Amino acid sequence: MSNKAEPLRSELSVSVMCADPLFVRTDLDMLIHPAVAWFHCDVMDGHFVPNLMLSTEMISALKAAYSVPLDIHLMVEKPEAMLSWFPFGPGDMVSIHYESTPHVPRALDMIRERGAKPALALNPATPLECCRELLADIDALLLMTINPGYAGQRMVTNALDKIARARAMLDERGYNLIPIEVDGNCSLQNIPLMEEAGANIFVAGTSSVFSAEHGIERGLVETVGRLRYKGV
């Protein structure tokens, strides 16, 4: 397999938790766009991260109402015990954290058995070496570029270097088709830098698509305009 492949298509995964809680349907309806490949659903248990987000009922409602694939990000302890709570299947992606369970391969297998794409998430301080033995088990690598739990944080200082090192590791080991998803401060300024470093999927939230300065419609246009390899 050649490691010098064409760049993967760049896509947006819009963060549902950043929508107006009183007008979620209205906000999401404005985000149906070819570059929006995913609805990013953050699930937080108040233990693995210090916040609570999104409910199983909310995610079930999204699954029923939209054809946009779900990008379910489980920021929870022992995710393998909760996978049955969520309505995912073929076309969807589910991320679990390396730090959240001693049974990472089992959890990834459970996701794949249901036809979804298993992804591995790493916190900012978790070294890339932790995922080397799991590359054959995943369809995406999610790198946290903030400390997980809350929107609106600044990107951690080594994020771009870690993205570049992750892309090099994947390519060198023959996994050039595995995309890198980045979650945290994917702003209009940071997205081009993240993409240049090797990221492919951008979790768009309060610093881009849901920017209070621009509004959703203009925020989407501005965000898509920052993608070089959007292919739309």
C-alpha atoms as a PDB file:
ATOM      1  CA  MET A   1       0.000   0.000   0.000  1.00  0.00           C
ATOM      2  CA  SER A   2       1.335   3.428  -0.892  1.00  0.00           C
ATOM      3  CA  ASN A   3       1.685   5.867   1.961  1.00  0.00           C
ATOM      4  CA  LYS A   4       1.533   8.833  -0.434  1.00  0.00           C
ATOM      5  CA  ALA A   5      -2.201   8.955  -0.992  1.00  0.00           C
ATOM      6  CA  GLU A   6      -4.305  11.935  -1.959  1.00  0.00           C
ATOM      7  CA  PRO A   7      -5.514  13.920   1.066  1.00  0.00           C
ATOM      8  CA  LEU A   8      -8.701  12.602   2.602  1.00  0.00           C
ATOM      9  CA  ARG A   9     -11.816  14.677   2.137  1.00  0.00           C
ATOM     10  CA  SER A  10     -12.285  17.249   4.898  1.00  0.00           C
ATOM     11  CA  GLU A  11     -15.653  17.146   6.660  1.00  0.00           C
ATOM     12  CA  LEU A  12     -17.540  18.881   9.422  1.00  0.00           C
ATOM     13  CA  SER A  13     -19.097  17.139  12.391  1.00  0.00           C
ATOM     14  CA  VAL A  14     -21.386  19.775  13.877  1.00  0.00           C
ATOM     15  CA  SER A  15     -21.668  19.713  17.652  1.00  0.00           C
ATOM     16  CA  VAL A  16     -25.269  19.223  18.739  1.00  0.00           C
ATOM     17  CA  MET A  17     -24.471  20.331  22.298  1.00  0.00           C
ATOM     18  CA  CYS A  18     -23.651  23.801  20.933  1.00  0.00           C
ATOM     19  CA  ALA A  19     -27.104  24.299  19.415  1.00  0.00           C
ATOM     20  CA  ASP A  20     -29.607  26.494  21.235  1.00  0.00           C
ATOM     21  CA  PRO A  21     -31.313  24.042  23.623  1.00  0.00           C
ATOM     22  CA  LEU A  22     -34.669  25.743  23.003  1.00  0.00           C
ATOM     23  CA  PHE A  23     -34.309  25.627  19.209  1.00  0.00           C
ATOM     24  CA  VAL A  24     -32.220  22.546  18.448  1.00  0.00           C
ATOM     25  CA  ARG A  25     -34.348  21.439  15.483  1.00  0.00           C
ATOM     26  CA  THR A  26     -34.285  24.927  13.938  1.00  0.00           C
ATOM     27  CA  ASP A  27     -30.505  25.147  14.326  1.00  0.00           C
ATOM     28  CA  LEU A  28     -29.797  21.702  12.915  1.00  0.00           C
ATOM     29  CA  ASP A  29     -32.129  22.199   9.952  1.00  0.00           C
ATOM     30  CA  MET A  30     -29.871  25.092   8.890  1.00  0.00           C
ATOM     31  CA  LEU A  31     -26.855  22.775   8.916  1.00  0.00           C
ATOM     32  CA  ILE A  32     -27.912  20.314   6.230  1.00  0.00           C
ATOM     33  CA  HIS A  33     -25.022  20.779   3.808  1.00  0.00           C
ATOM     34  CA  PRO A  34     -22.767  18.448   1.757  1.00  0.00           C
ATOM     35  CA  ALA A  35     -19.760  19.359   3.909  1.00  0.00           C
ATOM     36  CA  VAL A  36     -21.635  18.470   7.108  1.00  0.00           C
ATOM     37  CA  ALA A  37     -20.986  14.753   7.216  1.00  0.00           C
ATOM     38  CA  TRP A  38     -21.951  14.132  10.852  1.00  0.00           C
ATOM     39  CA  PHE A  39     -24.005  15.306  13.799  1.00  0.00           C
ATOM     40  CA  HIS A  40     -21.545  15.161  16.683  1.00  0.00           C
ATOM     41  CA  CYS A  41     -23.252  13.896  19.846  1.00  0.00           C
ATOM     42  CA  ASP A  42     -21.264  14.391  23.037  1.00  0.00           C
ATOM     43  CA  VAL A  43     -22.225  11.993  25.811  1.00  0.00           C
ATOM     44  CA  MET A  44     -20.821  12.907  29.244  1.00  0.00           C
ATOM     45  CA  ASP A  45     -21.447  11.087  32.503  1.00  0.00           C
ATOM     46  CA  GLY A  46     -20.228  13.615  35.090  1.00  0.00           C
ATOM     47  CA  HIS A  47     -17.421  11.223  36.098  1.00  0.00           C
ATOM     48  CA  PHE A  48     -15.053  10.782  33.156  1.00  0.00           C
ATOM     49  CA  VAL A  49     -15.589  14.486  32.433  1.00  0.00           C
ATOM     50  CA  PRO A  50     -17.107  17.122  34.760  1.00  0.00           C
ATOM     51  CA  ASN A  51     -20.318  17.697  32.827  1.00  0.00           C
ATOM     52  CA  LEU A  52     -23.548  15.980  31.772  1.00  0.00           C
ATOM     53  CA  MET A  53     -24.571  15.817  28.112  1.00  0.00           C
ATOM     54  CA  LEU A  54     -26.544  14.495  25.781  1.00  0.00           C
ATOM     55  CA  SER A  55     -29.359  12.158  26.823  1.00  0.00           C
ATOM     56  CA  THR A  56     -30.187   8.850  25.190  1.00  0.00           C
ATOM     57  CA  GLU A  57     -33.637  10.261  24.377  1.00  0.00           C
ATOM     58  CA  MET A  58     -32.081  13.212  22.568  1.00  0.00           C
ATOM     59  CA  ILE A  59     -29.828  10.995  20.471  1.00  0.00           C
ATOM     60  CA  SER A  60     -32.719   8.661  19.648  1.00  0.00           C
ATOM     61  CA  ALA A  61     -34.733  11.675  18.476  1.00  0.00           C
ATOM     62  CA  LEU A  62     -31.877  12.823  16.237  1.00  0.00           C
ATOM     63  CA  LYS A  63     -31.548   9.355  14.751  1.00  0.00           C
ATOM     64  CA  ALA A  64     -35.266   9.266  13.958  1.00  0.00           C
ATOM     65  CA  ALA A  65     -35.506  12.798  12.561  1.00  0.00           C
ATOM     66  CA  TYR A  66     -32.402  13.092  10.358  1.00  0.00           C
ATOM     67  CA  SER A  67     -30.565  11.075   7.742  1.00  0.00           C
ATOM     68  CA  VAL A  68     -27.265  12.739   8.696  1.00  0.00           C
ATOM     69  CA  PRO A  69     -25.024  10.066  10.275  1.00  0.00           C
ATOM     70  CA  LEU A  70     -24.379  10.343  13.991  1.00  0.00           C
ATOM     71  CA  ASP A  71     -20.890  10.855  15.396  1.00  0.00           C
ATOM     72  CA  ILE A  72     -21.396   9.688  18.979  1.00  0.00           C
ATOM     73  CA  HIS A  73     -18.521  10.663  21.263  1.00  0.00           C
ATOM     74  CA  LEU A  74     -18.697   8.701  24.516  1.00  0.00           C
ATOM     75  CA  MET A  75     -16.888  10.607  27.245  1.00  0.00           C
ATOM     76  CA  VAL A  76     -17.971   8.113  29.887  1.00  0.00           C
ATOM     77  CA  GLU A  77     -16.457   5.521  32.185  1.00  0.00           C
ATOM     78  CA  LYS A  78     -16.799   1.922  30.976  1.00  0.00           C
ATOM     79  CA  PRO A  79     -18.477   2.750  27.645  1.00  0.00           C
ATOM     80  CA  GLU A  80     -18.883  -0.930  26.806  1.00  0.00           C
ATOM     81  CA  ALA A  81     -21.610  -1.061  29.478  1.00  0.00           C
ATOM     82  CA  MET A  82     -23.547   1.792  27.805  1.00  0.00           C
ATOM     83  CA  LEU A  83     -23.329   1.015  24.101  1.00  0.00           C
ATOM     84  CA  SER A  84     -26.689  -0.739  24.110  1.00  0.00           C
ATOM     85  CA  TRP A  85     -28.337   2.492  25.268  1.00  0.00           C
ATOM     86  CA  PHE A  86     -27.708   4.296  21.969  1.00  0.00           C
ATOM     87  CA  PRO A  87     -29.367   3.903  18.540  1.00  0.00           C
ATOM     88  CA  PHE A  88     -26.410   3.634  16.174  1.00  0.00           C
ATOM     89  CA  GLY A  89     -25.741   1.420  13.206  1.00  0.00           C
ATOM     90  CA  PRO A  90     -24.314   1.385   9.676  1.00  0.00           C
ATOM     91  CA  GLY A  91     -23.084   4.794   8.589  1.00  0.00           C
ATOM     92  CA  ASP A  92     -22.685   6.132  12.127  1.00  0.00           C
ATOM     93  CA  MET A  93     -19.426   6.536  14.040  1.00  0.00           C
ATOM     94  CA  VAL A  94     -18.892   5.916  17.748  1.00  0.00           C
ATOM     95  CA  SER A  95     -15.803   7.092  19.638  1.00  0.00           C
ATOM     96  CA  ILE A  96     -14.636   5.708  22.945  1.00  0.00           C
ATOM     97  CA  HIS A  97     -11.738   7.045  24.991  1.00  0.00           C
ATOM     98  CA  TYR A  98      -8.592   5.026  25.493  1.00  0.00           C
ATOM     99  CA  GLU A  99      -8.513   6.310  29.077  1.00  0.00           C
ATOM    100  CA  SER A 100     -12.091   5.276  29.891  1.00  0.00           C
ATOM    101  CA  THR A 101     -11.847   1.487  30.091  1.00  0.00           C
ATOM    102  CA  PRO A 102      -9.326  -1.366  30.389  1.00  0.00           C
ATOM    103  CA  HIS A 103     -11.347  -3.204  27.713  1.00  0.00           C
ATOM    104  CA  VAL A 104     -10.798  -0.958  24.702  1.00  0.00           C
ATOM    105  CA  PRO A 105     -10.627  -3.730  22.059  1.00  0.00           C
ATOM    106  CA  ARG A 106     -13.845  -5.269  23.368  1.00  0.00           C
ATOM    107  CA  ALA A 107     -15.688  -1.944  23.192  1.00  0.00           C
ATOM    108  CA  LEU A 108     -14.411  -1.259  19.661  1.00  0.00           C
ATOM    109  CA  ASP A 109     -15.525  -4.733  18.556  1.00  0.00           C
ATOM    110  CA  MET A 110     -18.992  -4.161  20.013  1.00  0.00           C
ATOM    111  CA  ILE A 111     -19.338  -0.996  17.937  1.00  0.00           C
ATOM    112  CA  ARG A 112     -18.221  -2.707  14.727  1.00  0.00           C
ATOM    113  CA  GLU A 113     -20.553  -5.646  15.338  1.00  0.00           C
ATOM    114  CA  ARG A 114     -23.474  -3.241  15.024  1.00  0.00           C
ATOM    115  CA  GLY A 115     -22.193  -1.936  11.691  1.00  0.00           C
ATOM    116  CA  ALA A 116     -20.933   1.442  12.924  1.00  0.00           C
ATOM    117  CA  LYS A 117     -17.428   2.845  12.542  1.00  0.00           C
ATOM    118  CA  PRO A 118     -15.389   2.433  15.747  1.00  0.00           C
ATOM    119  CA  ALA A 119     -13.140   5.356  16.630  1.00  0.00           C
ATOM    120  CA  LEU A 120     -10.573   5.804  19.369  1.00  0.00           C
ATOM    121  CA  ALA A 121     -10.354   9.118  21.233  1.00  0.00           C
ATOM    122  CA  LEU A 122      -7.287  10.402  23.063  1.00  0.00           C
ATOM    123  CA  ASN A 123      -7.163  13.180  25.641  1.00  0.00           C
ATOM    124  CA  PRO A 124      -4.525  15.903  25.118  1.00  0.00           C
ATOM    125  CA  ALA A 125      -2.027  14.383  27.585  1.00  0.00           C
ATOM    126  CA  THR A 126      -2.452  10.794  26.353  1.00  0.00           C
ATOM    127  CA  PRO A 127       0.534   9.783  24.203  1.00  0.00           C
ATOM    128  CA  LEU A 128      -0.012   8.538  20.655  1.00  0.00           C
ATOM    129  CA  GLU A 129       1.877   5.355  21.472  1.00  0.00           C
ATOM    130  CA  CYS A 130      -1.208   4.154  23.357  1.00  0.00           C
ATOM    131  CA  CYS A 131      -3.110   3.584  20.122  1.00  0.00           C
ATOM    132  CA  ARG A 132      -0.416   1.791  18.110  1.00  0.00           C
ATOM    133  CA  GLU A 133      -1.698  -1.692  18.972  1.00  0.00           C
ATOM    134  CA  LEU A 134      -5.280  -0.680  18.130  1.00  0.00           C
ATOM    135  CA  LEU A 135      -4.913   0.771  14.642  1.00  0.00           C
ATOM    136  CA  ALA A 136      -6.296  -2.359  12.970  1.00  0.00           C
ATOM    137  CA  ASP A 137      -9.409  -2.072  15.157  1.00  0.00           C
ATOM    138  CA  ILE A 138     -10.433   1.514  14.360  1.00  0.00           C
ATOM    139  CA  ASP A 139     -11.920   3.471  11.469  1.00  0.00           C
ATOM    140  CA  ALA A 140     -10.974   6.903  12.842  1.00  0.00           C
ATOM    141  CA  LEU A 141      -8.714   8.514  15.422  1.00  0.00           C
ATOM    142  CA  LEU A 142     -10.187  11.371  17.468  1.00  0.00           C
ATOM    143  CA  LEU A 143      -7.712  13.772  19.043  1.00  0.00           C
ATOM    144  CA  MET A 144      -8.975  16.084  21.760  1.00  0.00           C
ATOM    145  CA  THR A 145      -7.494  19.527  21.212  1.00  0.00           C
ATOM    146  CA  ILE A 146      -8.952  20.804  24.484  1.00  0.00           C
ATOM    147  CA  ASN A 147      -9.476  19.110  27.830  1.00  0.00           C
ATOM    148  CA  PRO A 148     -12.869  17.431  27.381  1.00  0.00           C
ATOM    149  CA  GLY A 149     -15.988  18.541  29.175  1.00  0.00           C
ATOM    150  CA  TYR A 150     -16.880  22.054  28.071  1.00  0.00           C
ATOM    151  CA  ALA A 151     -17.193  24.081  24.880  1.00  0.00           C
ATOM    152  CA  GLY A 152     -15.445  27.405  24.416  1.00  0.00           C
ATOM    153  CA  GLN A 153     -11.947  26.452  25.608  1.00  0.00           C
ATOM    154  CA  ARG A 154      -8.663  27.429  23.958  1.00  0.00           C
ATOM    155  CA  MET A 155      -6.730  24.858  21.946  1.00  0.00           C
ATOM    156  CA  VAL A 156      -3.975  23.186  23.977  1.00  0.00           C
ATOM    157  CA  THR A 157      -0.478  24.231  23.011  1.00  0.00           C
ATOM    158  CA  ASN A 158       0.824  20.980  21.489  1.00  0.00           C
ATOM    159  CA  ALA A 159      -2.326  20.135  19.513  1.00  0.00           C
ATOM    160  CA  LEU A 160      -1.023  20.895  16.031  1.00  0.00           C
ATOM    161  CA  ASP A 161       2.200  18.987  16.612  1.00  0.00           C
ATOM    162  CA  LYS A 162       0.255  15.990  17.919  1.00  0.00           C
ATOM    163  CA  ILE A 163      -2.025  16.025  14.857  1.00  0.00           C
ATOM    164  CA  ALA A 164       1.023  16.041  12.568  1.00  0.00           C
ATOM    165  CA  ARG A 165       2.679  13.209  14.483  1.00  0.00           C
ATOM    166  CA  ALA A 166      -0.526  11.186  14.406  1.00  0.00           C
ATOM    167  CA  ARG A 167      -0.860  11.632  10.640  1.00  0.00           C
ATOM    168  CA  ALA A 168       2.744  10.573  10.147  1.00  0.00           C
ATOM    169  CA  MET A 169       2.260   7.509  12.362  1.00  0.00           C
ATOM    170  CA  LEU A 170      -0.867   6.407  10.507  1.00  0.00           C
ATOM    171  CA  ASP A 171       0.706   6.903   7.080  1.00  0.00           C
ATOM    172  CA  GLU A 172       3.969   5.198   7.989  1.00  0.00           C
ATOM    173  CA  ARG A 173       2.110   2.131   9.251  1.00  0.00           C
ATOM    174  CA  GLY A 174      -0.076   1.861   6.156  1.00  0.00           C
ATOM    175  CA  TYR A 175      -3.228   3.346   7.705  1.00  0.00           C
ATOM    176  CA  ASN A 176      -3.375   6.392   5.451  1.00  0.00           C
ATOM    177  CA  LEU A 177      -7.129   5.925   4.964  1.00  0.00           C
ATOM    178  CA  ILE A 178      -7.869   6.374   8.673  1.00  0.00           C
ATOM    179  CA  PRO A 179      -9.080   9.963   9.166  1.00  0.00           C
ATOM    180  CA  ILE A 180      -8.088  12.131  12.095  1.00  0.00           C
ATOM    181  CA  GLU A 181     -10.957  13.876  13.822  1.00  0.00           C
ATOM    182  CA  VAL A 182     -10.205  16.901  16.001  1.00  0.00           C
ATOM    183  CA  ASP A 183     -12.469  18.085  18.796  1.00  0.00           C
ATOM    184  CA  GLY A 184     -11.948  21.379  20.574  1.00  0.00           C
ATOM    185  CA  ASN A 185     -11.652  25.002  19.456  1.00  0.00           C
ATOM    186  CA  CYS A 186     -12.065  24.185  15.757  1.00  0.00           C
ATOM    187  CA  SER A 187     -12.310  27.883  15.058  1.00  0.00           C
ATOM    188  CA  LEU A 188     -12.217  29.715  11.742  1.00  0.00           C
ATOM    189  CA  GLN A 189      -8.571  30.496  12.506  1.00  0.00           C
ATOM    190  CA  ASN A 190      -7.572  27.019  13.721  1.00  0.00           C
ATOM    191  CA  ILE A 191      -9.295  24.814  11.136  1.00  0.00           C
ATOM    192  CA  PRO A 192      -6.824  25.621   8.321  1.00  0.00           C
ATOM    193  CA  LEU A 193      -3.900  24.968  10.674  1.00  0.00           C
ATOM    194  CA  MET A 194      -5.406  21.691  11.850  1.00  0.00           C
ATOM    195  CA  GLU A 195      -6.083  20.612   8.279  1.00  0.00           C
ATOM    196  CA  GLU A 196      -2.549  21.479   7.223  1.00  0.00           C
ATOM    197  CA  ALA A 197      -1.251  19.358  10.111  1.00  0.00           C
ATOM    198  CA  GLY A 198      -3.269  16.375   8.880  1.00  0.00           C
ATOM    199  CA  ALA A 199      -6.761  16.523  10.396  1.00  0.00           C
ATOM    200  CA  ASN A 200      -9.764  15.529   8.274  1.00  0.00           C
ATOM    201  CA  ILE A 201     -12.913  15.787  10.428  1.00  0.00           C
ATOM    202  CA  PHE A 202     -13.567  18.954  12.414  1.00  0.00           C
ATOM    203  CA  VAL A 203     -16.019  19.143  15.314  1.00  0.00           C
ATOM    204  CA  ALA A 204     -17.613  22.511  14.632  1.00  0.00           C
ATOM    205  CA  GLY A 205     -19.042  24.310  17.636  1.00  0.00           C
ATOM    206  CA  THR A 206     -19.139  27.703  19.301  1.00  0.00           C
ATOM    207  CA  SER A 207     -15.958  29.002  17.667  1.00  0.00           C
ATOM    208  CA  SER A 208     -17.154  28.381  14.093  1.00  0.00           C
ATOM    209  CA  VAL A 209     -20.587  27.166  12.974  1.00  0.00           C
ATOM    210  CA  PHE A 210     -22.369  28.220  16.167  1.00  0.00           C
ATOM    211  CA  SER A 211     -20.503  31.510  16.525  1.00  0.00           C
ATOM    212  CA  ALA A 212     -22.642  34.167  18.188  1.00  0.00           C
ATOM    213  CA  GLU A 213     -20.829  36.761  16.074  1.00  0.00           C
ATOM    214  CA  HIS A 214     -21.865  35.312  12.704  1.00  0.00           C
ATOM    215  CA  GLY A 215     -25.011  33.295  13.308  1.00  0.00           C
ATOM    216  CA  ILE A 216     -25.443  29.747  12.034  1.00  0.00           C
ATOM    217  CA  GLU A 217     -26.042  30.362   8.329  1.00  0.00           C
ATOM    218  CA  ARG A 218     -23.066  32.678   7.893  1.00  0.00           C
ATOM    219  CA  GLY A 219     -21.024  30.624  10.355  1.00  0.00           C
ATOM    220  CA  LEU A 220     -21.522  27.535   8.210  1.00  0.00           C
ATOM    221  CA  VAL A 221     -20.516  29.373   5.042  1.00  0.00           C
ATOM    222  CA  GLU A 222     -17.418  30.797   6.715  1.00  0.00           C
ATOM    223  CA  THR A 223     -16.447  27.411   8.178  1.00  0.00           C
ATOM    224  CA  VAL A 224     -16.880  25.493   4.921  1.00  0.00           C
ATOM    225  CA  GLY A 225     -14.813  28.176   3.223  1.00  0.00           C
ATOM    226  CA  ARG A 226     -11.874  27.304   5.486  1.00  0.00           C
ATOM    227  CA  LEU A 227     -11.791  23.680   4.276  1.00  0.00           C
ATOM    228  CA  ARG A 228      -9.274  23.043   1.523  1.00  0.00           C
ATOM    229  CA  TYR A 229     -10.192  19.449   0.678  1.00  0.00           C
ATOM    230  CA  LYS A 230     -13.955  19.632   1.131  1.00  0.00           C
ATOM    231  CA  GLY A 231     -14.677  18.003  -2.254  1.00  0.00           C
ATOM    232  CA  VAL A 232     -18.147  19.579  -2.539  1.00  0.00           C
END
